PDB file of N, CA and C in Angstrom:
ATOM      1  N   ALA A   1     180.782 168.761 145.213  1.00  0.00           N
ATOM      2  CA  ALA A   1     181.039 168.064 143.981  1.00  0.00           C
ATOM      3  C   ALA A   1     179.742 167.732 143.253  1.00  0.00           C
ATOM      4  N   ILE A   2     178.703 167.371 144.023  1.00  0.00           N
ATOM      5  CA  ILE A   2     177.428 167.034 143.389  1.00  0.00           C
ATOM      6  C   ILE A   2     176.831 168.264 142.733  1.00  0.00           C
ATOM      7  N   LEU A   3     176.860 169.394 143.410  1.00  0.00           N
ATOM      8  CA  LEU A   3     176.309 170.632 142.855  1.00  0.00           C
ATOM      9  C   LEU A   3     177.013 170.988 141.557  1.00  0.00           C
ATOM     10  N   LYS A   4     178.323 170.882 141.546  1.00  0.00           N
ATOM     11  CA  LYS A   4     179.103 171.201 140.349  1.00  0.00           C
ATOM     12  C   LYS A   4     178.769 170.252 139.210  1.00  0.00           C
ATOM     13  N   ARG A   5     178.640 168.966 139.515  1.00  0.00           N
ATOM     14  CA  ARG A   5     178.351 167.970 138.489  1.00  0.00           C
ATOM     15  C   ARG A   5     176.943 168.168 137.912  1.00  0.00           C
ATOM     16  N   GLN A   6     175.982 168.499 138.752  1.00  0.00           N
ATOM     17  CA  GLN A   6     174.607 168.610 138.279  1.00  0.00           C
ATOM     18  C   GLN A   6     174.301 169.956 137.638  1.00  0.00           C
ATOM     19  N   TRP A   7     174.872 171.031 138.145  1.00  0.00           N
ATOM     20  CA  TRP A   7     174.463 172.357 137.689  1.00  0.00           C
ATOM     21  C   TRP A   7     175.539 173.133 136.959  1.00  0.00           C
ATOM     22  N   GLY A   8     176.761 172.646 136.920  1.00  0.00           N
ATOM     23  CA  GLY A   8     177.796 173.297 136.132  1.00  0.00           C
ATOM     24  C   GLY A   8     178.728 174.169 136.939  1.00  0.00           C
ATOM     25  N   GLU A   9     179.769 174.598 136.273  1.00  0.00           N
ATOM     26  CA  GLU A   9     180.835 175.384 136.891  1.00  0.00           C
ATOM     27  C   GLU A   9     180.353 176.722 137.452  1.00  0.00           C
ATOM     28  N   GLU A  10     179.328 177.326 136.827  1.00  0.00           N
ATOM     29  CA  GLU A  10     178.890 178.659 137.228  1.00  0.00           C
ATOM     30  C   GLU A  10     178.347 178.686 138.647  1.00  0.00           C
ATOM     31  N   MET A  11     177.866 177.553 139.144  1.00  0.00           N
ATOM     32  CA  MET A  11     177.252 177.502 140.461  1.00  0.00           C
ATOM     33  C   MET A  11     178.267 177.339 141.586  1.00  0.00           C
ATOM     34  N   VAL A  12     179.492 176.965 141.253  1.00  0.00           N
ATOM     35  CA  VAL A  12     180.506 176.730 142.270  1.00  0.00           C
ATOM     36  C   VAL A  12     181.595 177.784 142.129  1.00  0.00           C
ATOM     37  N   PRO A  13     181.859 178.553 143.177  1.00  0.00           N
ATOM     38  CA  PRO A  13     182.885 179.592 143.073  1.00  0.00           C
ATOM     39  C   PRO A  13     184.266 178.989 142.901  1.00  0.00           C
ATOM     40  N   PRO A  14     185.137 179.679 142.171  1.00  0.00           N
ATOM     41  CA  PRO A  14     186.498 179.170 142.002  1.00  0.00           C
ATOM     42  C   PRO A  14     187.263 179.200 143.322  1.00  0.00           C
ATOM     43  N   VAL A  15     188.159 178.248 143.481  1.00  0.00           N
ATOM     44  CA  VAL A  15     188.998 178.213 144.670  1.00  0.00           C
ATOM     45  C   VAL A  15     190.165 179.152 144.439  1.00  0.00           C
ATOM     46  N   LYS A  16     190.387 180.056 145.389  1.00  0.00           N
ATOM     47  CA  LYS A  16     191.475 181.028 145.253  1.00  0.00           C
ATOM     48  C   LYS A  16     192.772 180.424 145.755  1.00  0.00           C
ATOM     49  N   SER A  17     193.841 180.730 145.045  1.00  0.00           N
ATOM     50  CA  SER A  17     195.149 180.302 145.530  1.00  0.00           C
ATOM     51  C   SER A  17     195.603 181.286 146.599  1.00  0.00           C
ATOM     52  N   ASP A  18     196.681 180.965 147.314  1.00  0.00           N
ATOM     53  CA  ASP A  18     197.158 181.817 148.399  1.00  0.00           C
ATOM     54  C   ASP A  18     197.505 183.217 147.922  1.00  0.00           C
ATOM     55  N   ASP A  19     198.048 183.345 146.700  1.00  0.00           N
ATOM     56  CA  ASP A  19     198.440 184.664 146.226  1.00  0.00           C
ATOM     57  C   ASP A  19     197.239 185.488 145.754  1.00  0.00           C
ATOM     58  N   GLU A  20     196.052 184.866 145.570  1.00  0.00           N
ATOM     59  CA  GLU A  20     194.858 185.601 145.162  1.00  0.00           C
ATOM     60  C   GLU A  20     193.982 185.969 146.344  1.00  0.00           C
ATOM     61  N   GLY A  21     194.227 185.380 147.496  1.00  0.00           N
ATOM     62  CA  GLY A  21     193.358 185.576 148.653  1.00  0.00           C
ATOM     63  C   GLY A  21     193.443 186.973 149.207  1.00  0.00           C
ATOM     64  N   GLY A  22     192.644 187.184 150.232  1.00  0.00           N
ATOM     65  CA  GLY A  22     192.612 188.484 150.886  1.00  0.00           C
ATOM     66  C   GLY A  22     193.843 188.687 151.734  1.00  0.00           C
ATOM     67  N   LYS A  23     193.716 189.555 152.754  1.00  0.00           N
ATOM     68  CA  LYS A  23     194.874 189.885 153.566  1.00  0.00           C
ATOM     69  C   LYS A  23     195.410 188.695 154.350  1.00  0.00           C
ATOM     70  N   ASP A  24     194.537 187.698 154.660  1.00  0.00           N
ATOM     71  CA  ASP A  24     195.031 186.530 155.367  1.00  0.00           C
ATOM     72  C   ASP A  24     195.400 185.386 154.431  1.00  0.00           C
ATOM     73  N   GLY A  25     195.212 185.588 153.122  1.00  0.00           N
ATOM     74  CA  GLY A  25     195.613 184.587 152.148  1.00  0.00           C
ATOM     75  C   GLY A  25     194.630 183.441 151.993  1.00  0.00           C
ATOM     76  N   GLY A  26     193.524 183.460 152.726  1.00  0.00           N
ATOM     77  CA  GLY A  26     192.569 182.358 152.649  1.00  0.00           C
ATOM     78  C   GLY A  26     191.312 182.752 151.894  1.00  0.00           C
ATOM     79  N   GLU A  27     190.389 181.808 151.835  1.00  0.00           N
ATOM     80  CA  GLU A  27     189.120 182.070 151.160  1.00  0.00           C
ATOM     81  C   GLU A  27     188.250 182.950 152.041  1.00  0.00           C
ATOM     82  N   SER A  28     187.458 183.781 151.413  1.00  0.00           N
ATOM     83  CA  SER A  28     186.463 184.509 152.185  1.00  0.00           C
ATOM     84  C   SER A  28     185.310 183.566 152.446  1.00  0.00           C
ATOM     85  N   SER A  29     184.500 183.856 153.450  1.00  0.00           N
ATOM     86  CA  SER A  29     183.415 182.946 153.789  1.00  0.00           C
ATOM     87  C   SER A  29     182.394 182.851 152.663  1.00  0.00           C
ATOM     88  N   SER A  30     182.238 183.899 151.842  1.00  0.00           N
ATOM     89  CA  SER A  30     181.268 183.838 150.755  1.00  0.00           C
ATOM     90  C   SER A  30     181.735 182.929 149.629  1.00  0.00           C
ATOM     91  N   ASP A  31     183.047 182.639 149.551  1.00  0.00           N
ATOM     92  CA  ASP A  31     183.559 181.757 148.515  1.00  0.00           C
ATOM     93  C   ASP A  31     183.531 180.289 148.944  1.00  0.00           C
ATOM     94  N   ASN A  32     183.336 180.028 150.211  1.00  0.00           N
ATOM     95  CA  ASN A  32     183.323 178.669 150.707  1.00  0.00           C
ATOM     96  C   ASN A  32     181.940 178.087 150.455  1.00  0.00           C
ATOM     97  N   ILE A  33     181.860 177.055 149.645  1.00  0.00           N
ATOM     98  CA  ILE A  33     180.560 176.506 149.242  1.00  0.00           C
ATOM     99  C   ILE A  33     179.771 175.982 150.436  1.00  0.00           C
ATOM    100  N   GLU A  34     180.444 175.515 151.471  1.00  0.00           N
ATOM    101  CA  GLU A  34     179.735 175.028 152.649  1.00  0.00           C
ATOM    102  C   GLU A  34     179.006 176.158 153.379  1.00  0.00           C
ATOM    103  N   ASP A  35     179.455 177.392 153.195  1.00  0.00           N
ATOM    104  CA  ASP A  35     178.831 178.534 153.867  1.00  0.00           C
ATOM    105  C   ASP A  35     177.728 179.182 153.039  1.00  0.00           C
ATOM    106  N   ARG A  36     177.554 178.740 151.798  1.00  0.00           N
ATOM    107  CA  ARG A  36     176.544 179.344 150.932  1.00  0.00           C
ATOM    108  C   ARG A  36     175.196 178.676 151.140  1.00  0.00           C
ATOM    109  N   ASN A  37     174.128 179.449 150.997  1.00  0.00           N
ATOM    110  CA  ASN A  37     172.783 178.907 151.067  1.00  0.00           C
ATOM    111  C   ASN A  37     172.275 178.641 149.660  1.00  0.00           C
ATOM    112  N   PHE A  38     171.703 177.474 149.467  1.00  0.00           N
ATOM    113  CA  PHE A  38     171.138 177.115 148.179  1.00  0.00           C
ATOM    114  C   PHE A  38     169.688 176.719 148.378  1.00  0.00           C
ATOM    115  N   ASN A  39     168.864 177.081 147.426  1.00  0.00           N
ATOM    116  CA  ASN A  39     167.482 176.643 147.402  1.00  0.00           C
ATOM    117  C   ASN A  39     167.390 175.627 146.278  1.00  0.00           C
ATOM    118  N   LEU A  40     167.307 174.366 146.645  1.00  0.00           N
ATOM    119  CA  LEU A  40     167.300 173.311 145.644  1.00  0.00           C
ATOM    120  C   LEU A  40     165.865 172.905 145.330  1.00  0.00           C
ATOM    121  N   PHE A  41     165.596 172.719 144.056  1.00  0.00           N
ATOM    122  CA  PHE A  41     164.273 172.357 143.590  1.00  0.00           C
ATOM    123  C   PHE A  41     164.378 171.102 142.736  1.00  0.00           C
ATOM    124  N   ASP A  42     163.268 170.434 142.535  1.00  0.00           N
ATOM    125  CA  ASP A  42     163.196 169.363 141.555  1.00  0.00           C
ATOM    126  C   ASP A  42     163.431 170.029 140.201  1.00  0.00           C
ATOM    127  N   GLY A  43     164.506 169.670 139.527  1.00  0.00           N
ATOM    128  CA  GLY A  43     164.891 170.339 138.291  1.00  0.00           C
ATOM    129  C   GLY A  43     163.849 170.278 137.204  1.00  0.00           C
ATOM    130  N   GLN A  44     163.180 169.135 137.078  1.00  0.00           N
ATOM    131  CA  GLN A  44     162.173 168.979 136.042  1.00  0.00           C
ATOM    132  C   GLN A  44     160.957 169.873 136.327  1.00  0.00           C
ATOM    133  N   VAL A  45     160.509 169.878 137.553  1.00  0.00           N
ATOM    134  CA  VAL A  45     159.367 170.722 137.924  1.00  0.00           C
ATOM    135  C   VAL A  45     159.716 172.196 137.753  1.00  0.00           C
ATOM    136  N   LEU A  46     160.904 172.580 138.195  1.00  0.00           N
ATOM    137  CA  LEU A  46     161.332 173.971 138.060  1.00  0.00           C
ATOM    138  C   LEU A  46     161.389 174.384 136.593  1.00  0.00           C
ATOM    139  N   ALA A  47     161.959 173.556 135.757  1.00  0.00           N
ATOM    140  CA  ALA A  47     162.082 173.885 134.330  1.00  0.00           C
ATOM    141  C   ALA A  47     160.718 174.098 133.691  1.00  0.00           C
ATOM    142  N   PHE A  48     159.792 173.202 133.935  1.00  0.00           N
ATOM    143  CA  PHE A  48     158.477 173.326 133.322  1.00  0.00           C
ATOM    144  C   PHE A  48     157.682 174.488 133.918  1.00  0.00           C
ATOM    145  N   TYR A  49     157.908 174.811 135.184  1.00  0.00           N
ATOM    146  CA  TYR A  49     157.287 175.984 135.795  1.00  0.00           C
ATOM    147  C   TYR A  49     157.796 177.263 135.116  1.00  0.00           C
ATOM    148  N   LEU A  50     159.103 177.360 134.947  1.00  0.00           N
ATOM    149  CA  LEU A  50     159.687 178.559 134.342  1.00  0.00           C
ATOM    150  C   LEU A  50     159.174 178.756 132.920  1.00  0.00           C
ATOM    151  N   VAL A  51     159.129 177.674 132.155  1.00  0.00           N
ATOM    152  CA  VAL A  51     158.691 177.766 130.764  1.00  0.00           C
ATOM    153  C   VAL A  51     157.189 178.086 130.684  1.00  0.00           C
ATOM    154  N   SER A  52     156.400 177.491 131.552  1.00  0.00           N
ATOM    155  CA  SER A  52     154.950 177.718 131.481  1.00  0.00           C
ATOM    156  C   SER A  52     154.562 179.124 131.912  1.00  0.00           C
ATOM    157  N   THR A  53     155.303 179.709 132.848  1.00  0.00           N
ATOM    158  CA  THR A  53     154.980 181.069 133.309  1.00  0.00           C
ATOM    159  C   THR A  53     155.741 182.137 132.542  1.00  0.00           C
ATOM    160  N   LEU A  54     156.830 181.739 131.890  1.00  0.00           N
ATOM    161  CA  LEU A  54     157.732 182.675 131.202  1.00  0.00           C
ATOM    162  C   LEU A  54     158.247 183.757 132.139  1.00  0.00           C
ATOM    163  N   GLN A  55     158.395 183.409 133.396  1.00  0.00           N
ATOM    164  CA  GLN A  55     159.005 184.301 134.385  1.00  0.00           C
ATOM    165  C   GLN A  55     160.185 183.556 134.986  1.00  0.00           C
ATOM    166  N   PHE A  56     161.367 184.002 134.644  1.00  0.00           N
ATOM    167  CA  PHE A  56     162.588 183.277 134.982  1.00  0.00           C
ATOM    168  C   PHE A  56     163.197 183.838 136.260  1.00  0.00           C
ATOM    169  N   ILE A  57     162.498 183.553 137.351  1.00  0.00           N
ATOM    170  CA  ILE A  57     162.891 184.025 138.668  1.00  0.00           C
ATOM    171  C   ILE A  57     162.896 182.853 139.637  1.00  0.00           C
ATOM    172  N   ASP A  58     163.761 182.935 140.640  1.00  0.00           N
ATOM    173  CA  ASP A  58     163.842 181.905 141.667  1.00  0.00           C
ATOM    174  C   ASP A  58     162.533 181.940 142.458  1.00  0.00           C
ATOM    175  N   PRO A  59     161.778 180.839 142.502  1.00  0.00           N
ATOM    176  CA  PRO A  59     160.491 180.859 143.194  1.00  0.00           C
ATOM    177  C   PRO A  59     160.608 181.102 144.698  1.00  0.00           C
ATOM    178  N   PHE A  60     161.762 180.837 145.274  1.00  0.00           N
ATOM    179  CA  PHE A  60     161.935 181.001 146.713  1.00  0.00           C
ATOM    180  C   PHE A  60     162.187 182.453 147.104  1.00  0.00           C
ATOM    181  N   ASN A  61     163.114 183.114 146.406  1.00  0.00           N
ATOM    182  CA  ASN A  61     163.486 184.467 146.818  1.00  0.00           C
ATOM    183  C   ASN A  61     163.230 185.528 145.749  1.00  0.00           C
ATOM    184  N   ARG A  62     162.634 185.139 144.622  1.00  0.00           N
ATOM    185  CA  ARG A  62     162.255 186.040 143.526  1.00  0.00           C
ATOM    186  C   ARG A  62     163.444 186.708 142.850  1.00  0.00           C
ATOM    187  N   ARG A  63     164.631 186.131 142.989  1.00  0.00           N
ATOM    188  CA  ARG A  63     165.833 186.648 142.338  1.00  0.00           C
ATOM    189  C   ARG A  63     165.805 186.279 140.866  1.00  0.00           C
ATOM    190  N   ASP A  64     166.208 187.209 140.002  1.00  0.00           N
ATOM    191  CA  ASP A  64     166.318 186.896 138.577  1.00  0.00           C
ATOM    192  C   ASP A  64     167.320 185.764 138.387  1.00  0.00           C
ATOM    193  N   LEU A  65     166.943 184.769 137.600  1.00  0.00           N
ATOM    194  CA  LEU A  65     167.870 183.700 137.258  1.00  0.00           C
ATOM    195  C   LEU A  65     168.719 184.149 136.081  1.00  0.00           C
ATOM    196  N   THR A  66     169.958 183.746 136.081  1.00  0.00           N
ATOM    197  CA  THR A  66     170.867 184.141 135.015  1.00  0.00           C
ATOM    198  C   THR A  66     170.776 183.150 133.862  1.00  0.00           C
ATOM    199  N   ARG A  67     171.190 183.591 132.689  1.00  0.00           N
ATOM    200  CA  ARG A  67     171.182 182.701 131.526  1.00  0.00           C
ATOM    201  C   ARG A  67     172.070 181.475 131.754  1.00  0.00           C
ATOM    202  N   PRO A  68     173.274 181.614 132.364  1.00  0.00           N
ATOM    203  CA  PRO A  68     174.075 180.412 132.648  1.00  0.00           C
ATOM    204  C   PRO A  68     173.351 179.431 133.580  1.00  0.00           C
ATOM    205  N   GLU A  69     172.572 179.925 134.528  1.00  0.00           N
ATOM    206  CA  GLU A  69     171.806 179.032 135.395  1.00  0.00           C
ATOM    207  C   GLU A  69     170.748 178.275 134.591  1.00  0.00           C
ATOM    208  N   LEU A  70     170.122 178.970 133.650  1.00  0.00           N
ATOM    209  CA  LEU A  70     169.109 178.329 132.820  1.00  0.00           C
ATOM    210  C   LEU A  70     169.741 177.310 131.874  1.00  0.00           C
ATOM    211  N   CYS A  71     170.925 177.617 131.359  1.00  0.00           N
ATOM    212  CA  CYS A  71     171.665 176.646 130.528  1.00  0.00           C
ATOM    213  C   CYS A  71     171.986 175.401 131.350  1.00  0.00           C
ATOM    214  N   ALA A  72     172.386 175.606 132.603  1.00  0.00           N
ATOM    215  CA  ALA A  72     172.693 174.483 133.479  1.00  0.00           C
ATOM    216  C   ALA A  72     171.440 173.649 133.752  1.00  0.00           C
ATOM    217  N   LEU A  73     170.295 174.297 133.859  1.00  0.00           N
ATOM    218  CA  LEU A  73     169.048 173.574 134.077  1.00  0.00           C
ATOM    219  C   LEU A  73     168.708 172.707 132.865  1.00  0.00           C
ATOM    220  N   ASP A  74     168.841 173.252 131.668  1.00  0.00           N
ATOM    221  CA  ASP A  74     168.622 172.449 130.458  1.00  0.00           C
ATOM    222  C   ASP A  74     169.602 171.271 130.397  1.00  0.00           C
ATOM    223  N   ALA A  75     170.861 171.518 130.746  1.00  0.00           N
ATOM    224  CA  ALA A  75     171.876 170.458 130.728  1.00  0.00           C
ATOM    225  C   ALA A  75     171.553 169.384 131.764  1.00  0.00           C
ATOM    226  N   TYR A  76     171.052 169.795 132.911  1.00  0.00           N
ATOM    227  CA  TYR A  76     170.658 168.850 133.961  1.00  0.00           C
ATOM    228  C   TYR A  76     169.549 167.931 133.459  1.00  0.00           C
ATOM    229  N   LEU A  77     168.542 168.508 132.821  1.00  0.00           N
ATOM    230  CA  LEU A  77     167.437 167.706 132.294  1.00  0.00           C
ATOM    231  C   LEU A  77     167.942 166.679 131.279  1.00  0.00           C
ATOM    232  N   GLU A  78     168.843 167.128 130.416  1.00  0.00           N
ATOM    233  CA  GLU A  78     169.389 166.227 129.398  1.00  0.00           C
ATOM    234  C   GLU A  78     170.243 165.132 130.031  1.00  0.00           C
ATOM    235  N   ALA A  79     171.068 165.503 130.991  1.00  0.00           N
ATOM    236  CA  ALA A  79     171.973 164.532 131.617  1.00  0.00           C
ATOM    237  C   ALA A  79     171.220 163.425 132.344  1.00  0.00           C
ATOM    238  N   TYR A  80     170.069 163.754 132.902  1.00  0.00           N
ATOM    239  CA  TYR A  80     169.313 162.778 133.674  1.00  0.00           C
ATOM    240  C   TYR A  80     168.067 162.268 132.921  1.00  0.00           C
ATOM    241  N   ASN A  81     168.038 162.507 131.605  1.00  0.00           N
ATOM    242  CA  ASN A  81     166.946 162.016 130.749  1.00  0.00           C
ATOM    243  C   ASN A  81     165.568 162.391 131.305  1.00  0.00           C
ATOM    244  N   LEU A  82     165.416 163.668 131.647  1.00  0.00           N
ATOM    245  CA  LEU A  82     164.161 164.150 132.229  1.00  0.00           C
ATOM    246  C   LEU A  82     163.297 164.908 131.233  1.00  0.00           C
ATOM    247  N   GLY A  83     163.572 164.752 129.969  1.00  0.00           N
ATOM    248  CA  GLY A  83     162.799 165.450 128.951  1.00  0.00           C
ATOM    249  C   GLY A  83     163.436 166.778 128.586  1.00  0.00           C
ATOM    250  N   ARG A  84     162.877 167.416 127.583  1.00  0.00           N
ATOM    251  CA  ARG A  84     163.403 168.698 127.133  1.00  0.00           C
ATOM    252  C   ARG A  84     162.381 169.774 127.434  1.00  0.00           C
ATOM    253  N   ALA A  85     162.796 170.774 128.186  1.00  0.00           N
ATOM    254  CA  ALA A  85     161.914 171.902 128.485  1.00  0.00           C
ATOM    255  C   ALA A  85     162.281 173.117 127.637  1.00  0.00           C
ATOM    256  N   ASN A  86     163.495 173.132 127.075  1.00  0.00           N
ATOM    257  CA  ASN A  86     163.977 174.271 126.283  1.00  0.00           C
ATOM    258  C   ASN A  86     163.867 175.579 127.055  1.00  0.00           C
ATOM    259  N   VAL A  87     164.377 175.563 128.262  1.00  0.00           N
ATOM    260  CA  VAL A  87     164.292 176.722 129.145  1.00  0.00           C
ATOM    261  C   VAL A  87     165.017 177.918 128.541  1.00  0.00           C
ATOM    262  N   VAL A  88     166.219 177.708 128.036  1.00  0.00           N
ATOM    263  CA  VAL A  88     166.998 178.816 127.467  1.00  0.00           C
ATOM    264  C   VAL A  88     166.303 179.378 126.230  1.00  0.00           C
ATOM    265  N   GLU A  89     165.758 178.508 125.405  1.00  0.00           N
ATOM    266  CA  GLU A  89     165.046 178.963 124.212  1.00  0.00           C
ATOM    267  C   GLU A  89     163.842 179.832 124.601  1.00  0.00           C
ATOM    268  N   ALA A  90     163.087 179.405 125.588  1.00  0.00           N
ATOM    269  CA  ALA A  90     161.939 180.186 126.057  1.00  0.00           C
ATOM    270  C   ALA A  90     162.396 181.524 126.637  1.00  0.00           C
ATOM    271  N   PHE A  91     163.489 181.511 127.391  1.00  0.00           N
ATOM    272  CA  PHE A  91     164.033 182.735 127.973  1.00  0.00           C
ATOM    273  C   PHE A  91     164.461 183.711 126.887  1.00  0.00           C
ATOM    274  N   ASP A  92     165.174 183.192 125.882  1.00  0.00           N
ATOM    275  CA  ASP A  92     165.670 184.054 124.808  1.00  0.00           C
ATOM    276  C   ASP A  92     164.534 184.653 123.987  1.00  0.00           C
ATOM    277  N   GLU A  93     163.446 183.909 123.823  1.00  0.00           N
ATOM    278  CA  GLU A  93     162.338 184.390 123.004  1.00  0.00           C
ATOM    279  C   GLU A  93     161.398 185.327 123.742  1.00  0.00           C
ATOM    280  N   LYS A  94     160.988 184.952 124.940  1.00  0.00           N
ATOM    281  CA  LYS A  94     159.947 185.732 125.612  1.00  0.00           C
ATOM    282  C   LYS A  94     160.141 185.840 127.106  1.00  0.00           C
ATOM    283  N   GLY A  95     161.333 185.639 127.581  1.00  0.00           N
ATOM    284  CA  GLY A  95     161.560 185.599 129.012  1.00  0.00           C
ATOM    285  C   GLY A  95     161.263 186.907 129.719  1.00  0.00           C
ATOM    286  N   VAL A  96     160.740 186.784 130.921  1.00  0.00           N
ATOM    287  CA  VAL A  96     160.451 187.938 131.759  1.00  0.00           C
ATOM    288  C   VAL A  96     161.206 187.742 133.062  1.00  0.00           C
ATOM    289  N   SER A  97     161.936 188.740 133.467  1.00  0.00           N
ATOM    290  CA  SER A  97     162.625 188.679 134.740  1.00  0.00           C
ATOM    291  C   SER A  97     161.784 189.411 135.779  1.00  0.00           C
ATOM    292  N   LEU A  98     162.189 189.329 137.019  1.00  0.00           N
ATOM    293  CA  LEU A  98     161.467 189.992 138.107  1.00  0.00           C
ATOM    294  C   LEU A  98     161.333 191.482 137.845  1.00  0.00           C
ATOM    295  N   SER A  99     162.397 192.097 137.346  1.00  0.00           N
ATOM    296  CA  SER A  99     162.380 193.545 137.146  1.00  0.00           C
ATOM    297  C   SER A  99     161.370 193.956 136.083  1.00  0.00           C
ATOM    298  N   THR A 100     161.085 193.096 135.099  1.00  0.00           N
ATOM    299  CA  THR A 100     160.092 193.451 134.097  1.00  0.00           C
ATOM    300  C   THR A 100     158.734 192.850 134.384  1.00  0.00           C
ATOM    301  N   ALA A 101     158.680 191.812 135.241  1.00  0.00           N
ATOM    302  CA  ALA A 101     157.397 191.181 135.551  1.00  0.00           C
ATOM    303  C   ALA A 101     156.476 192.158 136.267  1.00  0.00           C
ATOM    304  N   GLY A 102     157.017 192.938 137.184  1.00  0.00           N
ATOM    305  CA  GLY A 102     156.190 193.887 137.916  1.00  0.00           C
ATOM    306  C   GLY A 102     155.615 194.953 137.021  1.00  0.00           C
ATOM    307  N   ALA A 103     156.411 195.467 136.111  1.00  0.00           N
ATOM    308  CA  ALA A 103     155.939 196.513 135.206  1.00  0.00           C
ATOM    309  C   ALA A 103     154.907 195.963 134.235  1.00  0.00           C
ATOM    310  N   ALA A 104     155.081 194.719 133.785  1.00  0.00           N
ATOM    311  CA  ALA A 104     154.148 194.119 132.832  1.00  0.00           C
ATOM    312  C   ALA A 104     152.797 193.831 133.471  1.00  0.00           C
ATOM    313  N   ALA A 105     152.806 193.577 134.781  1.00  0.00           N
ATOM    314  CA  ALA A 105     151.583 193.220 135.458  1.00  0.00           C
ATOM    315  C   ALA A 105     150.751 194.446 135.855  1.00  0.00           C
ATOM    316  N   GLN A 106     151.319 195.612 135.777  1.00  0.00           N
ATOM    317  CA  GLN A 106     150.614 196.824 136.201  1.00  0.00           C
ATOM    318  C   GLN A 106     149.592 197.242 135.173  1.00  0.00           C
ATOM    319  N   THR A 107     148.463 197.672 135.646  1.00  0.00           N
ATOM    320  CA  THR A 107     147.418 198.183 134.739  1.00  0.00           C
ATOM    321  C   THR A 107     147.151 199.633 135.064  1.00  0.00           C
ATOM    322  N   SER A 108     146.622 200.340 134.094  1.00  0.00           N
ATOM    323  CA  SER A 108     146.365 201.760 134.348  1.00  0.00           C
ATOM    324  C   SER A 108     144.898 202.005 134.575  1.00  0.00           C
TER     325      SER A 108
END
């Protein structure tokens, strides 16, 4: 419940009803939030890191962050009065993902 409240609906998988489930009618282990691994960061520090580097990747596993995740980060900052980092605005203007960061860093 805390994860959903702080980071938004996109971070919590939907609960499947019995008629939507697999062959046993239950949730798969990947849909159970207790079975998922999360790398939690100080939201304010993460936001300012992402904006200052313009590389929108998870610092722990280097996974590209999605735009909905960045929207949730901006919403988190606003909800807890932690200042405005404008993460989504920076991403939309000049964002670099992991897949383009490597190519941009290469020199000939």
